């Protein structure tokens, strides 16, 4: 390793973009009905509805039904991707959206997914990607009712 590469610091010796490169929304849903989380048609329908509500451009969807239970549904969109992963045995859904474009409408999309999956609790984390500033992380949590 040369002296110059040994002194390289990835946090100071990089050129940062003038603004974040994208937003990564991570939504966890809890207390969802198991039968809904193992219904491929219902999960894919929610994925398509989220894409439409977010006004994303759908390119392709891939789905997989696990045995004995659980589903992964992933959409490639022009703006980046959306994914839904279910664990019926735990009543849990993990959803992530990544967009290189405008993420202003994703809050209402998340609200609708919370309702449609019947979640009793949820957590949401929003990360601004391509930005080293921790001040750009937003976390929300719904306490138990």
Protein backbone atom coordinates (compact mmCIF):
# COMPACT_ATOMS: atom_id res chain seq x y z
CA UNK A 1 0.00 0.00 0.00
CA UNK A 2 1.44 3.33 -0.97
CA UNK A 3 1.72 6.21 1.49
CA UNK A 4 -0.99 8.14 -0.33
CA UNK A 5 -3.53 5.31 -0.16
CA UNK A 6 -2.65 4.61 3.50
CA UNK A 7 -3.51 8.22 4.35
CA UNK A 8 -6.81 8.17 2.45
CA UNK A 9 -9.86 8.94 4.60
CA UNK A 10 -13.20 8.00 3.00
CA UNK A 11 -15.04 10.60 5.11
CA UNK A 12 -12.90 13.57 4.14
CA UNK A 13 -11.23 12.63 0.88
CA UNK A 14 -14.32 12.25 -1.28
CA UNK A 15 -16.35 14.59 -3.40
CA UNK A 16 -19.86 14.71 -1.99
CA UNK A 17 -22.82 15.36 -4.24
CA UNK A 18 -24.40 18.81 -3.76
CA UNK A 19 -27.58 17.11 -2.48
CA UNK A 20 -28.58 13.56 -1.46
CA UNK A 21 -28.66 11.09 -4.34
CA UNK A 22 -31.89 9.50 -3.21
CA UNK A 23 -34.20 8.61 -0.36
CA UNK A 24 -34.54 5.14 1.15
CA UNK A 25 -37.77 4.63 3.08
CA UNK A 26 -37.86 1.60 5.40
CA UNK A 27 -41.30 0.72 6.75
CA UNK A 28 -41.86 -2.13 9.22
CA UNK A 29 -45.41 -3.27 9.94
CA UNK A 30 -46.36 -5.38 12.96
CA UNK A 31 -49.54 -7.17 14.04
CA UNK A 32 -50.70 -7.87 10.48
CA UNK A 33 -53.09 -10.79 9.75
CA UNK A 34 -51.11 -13.93 8.79
CA UNK A 35 -53.53 -14.98 6.03
CA UNK A 36 -53.10 -11.63 4.26
CA UNK A 37 -49.30 -11.88 4.46
CA UNK A 38 -49.33 -15.27 2.75
CA UNK A 39 -51.69 -14.22 -0.06
CA UNK A 40 -49.56 -13.61 -3.18
CA UNK A 41 -52.34 -11.83 -5.09
CA UNK A 42 -53.01 -9.47 -2.17
CA UNK A 43 -49.33 -8.63 -1.63
CA UNK A 44 -48.72 -8.01 -5.34
CA UNK A 45 -51.88 -5.89 -5.47
CA UNK A 46 -50.56 -3.72 -2.60
CA UNK A 47 -47.21 -3.37 -4.40
CA UNK A 48 -48.95 -2.23 -7.60
CA UNK A 49 -51.21 0.16 -5.68
CA UNK A 50 -48.19 1.71 -3.92
CA UNK A 51 -46.43 2.21 -7.27
CA UNK A 52 -49.52 3.86 -8.72
CA UNK A 53 -50.09 6.07 -5.67
CA UNK A 54 -46.42 7.15 -5.66
CA UNK A 55 -46.73 7.90 -9.40
CA UNK A 56 -43.72 5.72 -10.15
CA UNK A 57 -43.16 4.14 -13.56
CA UNK A 58 -43.32 0.35 -13.31
CA UNK A 59 -40.70 -1.54 -15.31
CA UNK A 60 -40.91 -5.08 -13.90
CA UNK A 61 -42.23 -7.10 -10.93
CA UNK A 62 -40.72 -10.29 -9.51
CA UNK A 63 -42.45 -12.32 -6.79
CA UNK A 64 -41.67 -15.43 -4.80
CA UNK A 65 -43.83 -17.52 -2.46
CA UNK A 66 -41.78 -19.25 0.25
CA UNK A 67 -42.62 -22.62 1.77
CA UNK A 68 -44.23 -23.07 4.14
CA UNK A 69 -45.08 -19.34 4.19
CA UNK A 70 -43.94 -15.83 3.34
CA UNK A 71 -43.70 -13.71 0.22
CA UNK A 72 -41.21 -11.37 -1.40
CA UNK A 73 -42.48 -9.00 -4.09
CA UNK A 74 -40.05 -6.60 -5.73
CA UNK A 75 -40.77 -3.92 -8.30
CA UNK A 76 -38.17 -2.32 -10.49
CA UNK A 77 -39.39 1.19 -11.27
CA UNK A 78 -37.84 3.93 -13.37
CA UNK A 79 -37.20 5.87 -10.16
CA UNK A 80 -35.42 2.84 -8.51
CA UNK A 81 -37.24 0.04 -6.59
CA UNK A 82 -39.90 -1.06 -4.10
CA UNK A 83 -39.88 -4.31 -2.13
CA UNK A 84 -42.33 -6.05 0.20
CA UNK A 85 -41.22 -8.99 2.37
CA UNK A 86 -43.71 -10.84 4.60
CA UNK A 87 -43.35 -13.10 7.63
CA UNK A 88 -46.91 -14.38 8.27
CA UNK A 89 -45.80 -16.40 11.31
CA UNK A 90 -44.74 -13.12 12.97
CA UNK A 91 -47.43 -10.84 11.50
CA UNK A 92 -44.57 -8.75 10.10
CA UNK A 93 -44.07 -6.93 6.80
CA UNK A 94 -40.82 -5.19 5.82
CA UNK A 95 -41.24 -2.65 3.02
CA UNK A 96 -38.60 -0.54 1.39
CA UNK A 97 -38.75 2.17 -1.23
CA UNK A 98 -35.70 3.68 -2.84
CA UNK A 99 -36.14 6.63 -5.12
CA UNK A 100 -33.65 8.82 -6.91
CA UNK A 101 -36.50 11.21 -7.63
CA UNK A 102 -39.10 13.05 -5.62
CA UNK A 103 -40.12 11.23 -2.43
CA UNK A 104 -42.65 13.85 -1.28
CA UNK A 105 -45.67 11.56 -1.74
CA UNK A 106 -44.26 8.50 0.02
CA UNK A 107 -45.62 9.46 3.43
CA UNK A 108 -49.21 9.01 2.25
CA UNK A 109 -48.21 5.77 0.45
CA UNK A 110 -46.84 4.45 3.75
CA UNK A 111 -50.04 5.47 5.57
CA UNK A 112 -52.09 3.53 3.02
CA UNK A 113 -49.88 0.43 3.30
CA UNK A 114 -50.23 0.53 7.09
CA UNK A 115 -54.03 0.53 6.68
CA UNK A 116 -54.16 -2.06 3.90
CA UNK A 117 -51.96 -4.56 5.74
CA UNK A 118 -53.92 -4.03 8.98
CA UNK A 119 -50.83 -3.19 11.05
CA UNK A 120 -51.36 -2.54 14.76
CA UNK A 121 -47.86 -1.02 15.08
CA UNK A 122 -45.32 0.32 12.64
CA UNK A 123 -41.96 2.02 12.38
CA UNK A 124 -40.59 4.16 9.58
CA UNK A 125 -37.04 5.26 8.88
CA UNK A 126 -36.08 7.59 6.03
CA UNK A 127 -32.45 7.74 4.96
CA UNK A 128 -31.09 10.29 2.54
CA UNK A 129 -28.56 8.29 0.52
CA UNK A 130 -25.29 9.77 -0.69
CA UNK A 131 -25.20 12.16 2.27
CA UNK A 132 -22.88 11.71 5.26
CA UNK A 133 -24.93 14.00 7.50
CA UNK A 134 -26.79 12.06 10.21
CA UNK A 135 -29.12 15.05 10.50
CA UNK A 136 -30.89 13.78 7.39
CA UNK A 137 -32.21 10.62 9.05
CA UNK A 138 -35.86 10.70 10.05
CA UNK A 139 -37.34 8.04 12.29
CA UNK A 140 -40.99 7.68 13.27
CA UNK A 141 -42.59 5.08 15.50
CA UNK A 142 -46.17 4.34 16.39
CA UNK A 143 -46.46 3.30 20.06
CA UNK A 144 -48.72 0.39 21.04
CA UNK A 145 -52.34 1.43 21.44
